[in-house]
Amino acid sequence: MSEQNFERGTSLSIFVSDRKEDIGALVFAILIAVGVVLLVGN
């Protein structure tokens, strides 16, 4: 059986690797969560 090459994700990413993209998304999500907590918490 021949091996198929699957394209992972999109080519629109500004990051070089998937790991950096994942970490960047995690940091961005944490910043949004902290911002919401600070705004709504008051």
C-alpha atoms as a PDB file:
ATOM      1  CA  MET A   1       0.000   0.000   0.000  1.00  0.00           C
ATOM      2  CA  SER A   2       1.435   3.378  -0.956  1.00  0.00           C
ATOM      3  CA  GLU A   3       1.836   6.034   1.675  1.00  0.00           C
ATOM      4  CA  GLN A   4      -0.320   9.136   1.241  1.00  0.00           C
ATOM      5  CA  ASN A   5       0.991  12.592   2.023  1.00  0.00           C
ATOM      6  CA  PHE A   6      -1.519  14.703   3.904  1.00  0.00           C
ATOM      7  CA  GLU A   7      -1.228  18.452   4.087  1.00  0.00           C
ATOM      8  CA  ARG A   8      -1.482  19.549   7.704  1.00  0.00           C
ATOM      9  CA  GLY A   9      -3.396  22.754   8.264  1.00  0.00           C
ATOM     10  CA  THR A  10      -3.163  25.807   6.098  1.00  0.00           C
ATOM     11  CA  SER A  11      -0.300  27.643   4.446  1.00  0.00           C
ATOM     12  CA  LEU A  12      -1.558  30.947   5.866  1.00  0.00           C
ATOM     13  CA  SER A  13       0.286  30.464   9.146  1.00  0.00           C
ATOM     14  CA  ILE A  14       2.821  33.131  10.158  1.00  0.00           C
ATOM     15  CA  PHE A  15       4.724  30.558  12.215  1.00  0.00           C
ATOM     16  CA  VAL A  16       7.436  28.236  10.926  1.00  0.00           C
ATOM     17  CA  SER A  17       6.495  25.186  12.988  1.00  0.00           C
ATOM     18  CA  ASP A  18       3.313  23.724  14.411  1.00  0.00           C
ATOM     19  CA  ARG A  19       4.816  23.770  17.911  1.00  0.00           C
ATOM     20  CA  LYS A  20       5.407  27.537  17.793  1.00  0.00           C
ATOM     21  CA  GLU A  21       1.902  28.072  16.427  1.00  0.00           C
ATOM     22  CA  ASP A  22       0.388  26.014  19.259  1.00  0.00           C
ATOM     23  CA  ILE A  23       2.365  27.872  21.921  1.00  0.00           C
ATOM     24  CA  GLY A  24       1.478  31.229  20.374  1.00  0.00           C
ATOM     25  CA  ALA A  25      -2.213  30.332  20.337  1.00  0.00           C
ATOM     26  CA  LEU A  26      -2.022  29.167  23.962  1.00  0.00           C
ATOM     27  CA  VAL A  27      -0.362  32.411  25.081  1.00  0.00           C
ATOM     28  CA  PHE A  28      -2.922  34.455  23.143  1.00  0.00           C
ATOM     29  CA  ALA A  29      -5.807  32.531  24.724  1.00  0.00           C
ATOM     30  CA  ILE A  30      -4.347  33.007  28.216  1.00  0.00           C
ATOM     31  CA  LEU A  31      -3.974  36.758  27.607  1.00  0.00           C
ATOM     32  CA  ILE A  32      -7.609  36.974  26.503  1.00  0.00           C
ATOM     33  CA  ALA A  33      -8.724  34.987  29.564  1.00  0.00           C
ATOM     34  CA  VAL A  34      -6.731  37.222  31.933  1.00  0.00           C
ATOM     35  CA  GLY A  35      -8.125  40.324  30.231  1.00  0.00           C
ATOM     36  CA  VAL A  36     -11.696  39.076  30.628  1.00  0.00           C
ATOM     37  CA  VAL A  37     -11.115  38.198  34.267  1.00  0.00           C
ATOM     38  CA  LEU A  38      -9.678  41.653  34.986  1.00  0.00           C
ATOM     39  CA  LEU A  39     -12.467  43.475  33.143  1.00  0.00           C
ATOM     40  CA  VAL A  40     -15.371  41.417  34.477  1.00  0.00           C
ATOM     41  CA  GLY A  41     -13.841  40.892  37.915  1.00  0.00           C
ATOM     42  CA  ASN A  42     -14.129  44.558  38.854  1.00  0.00           C
END
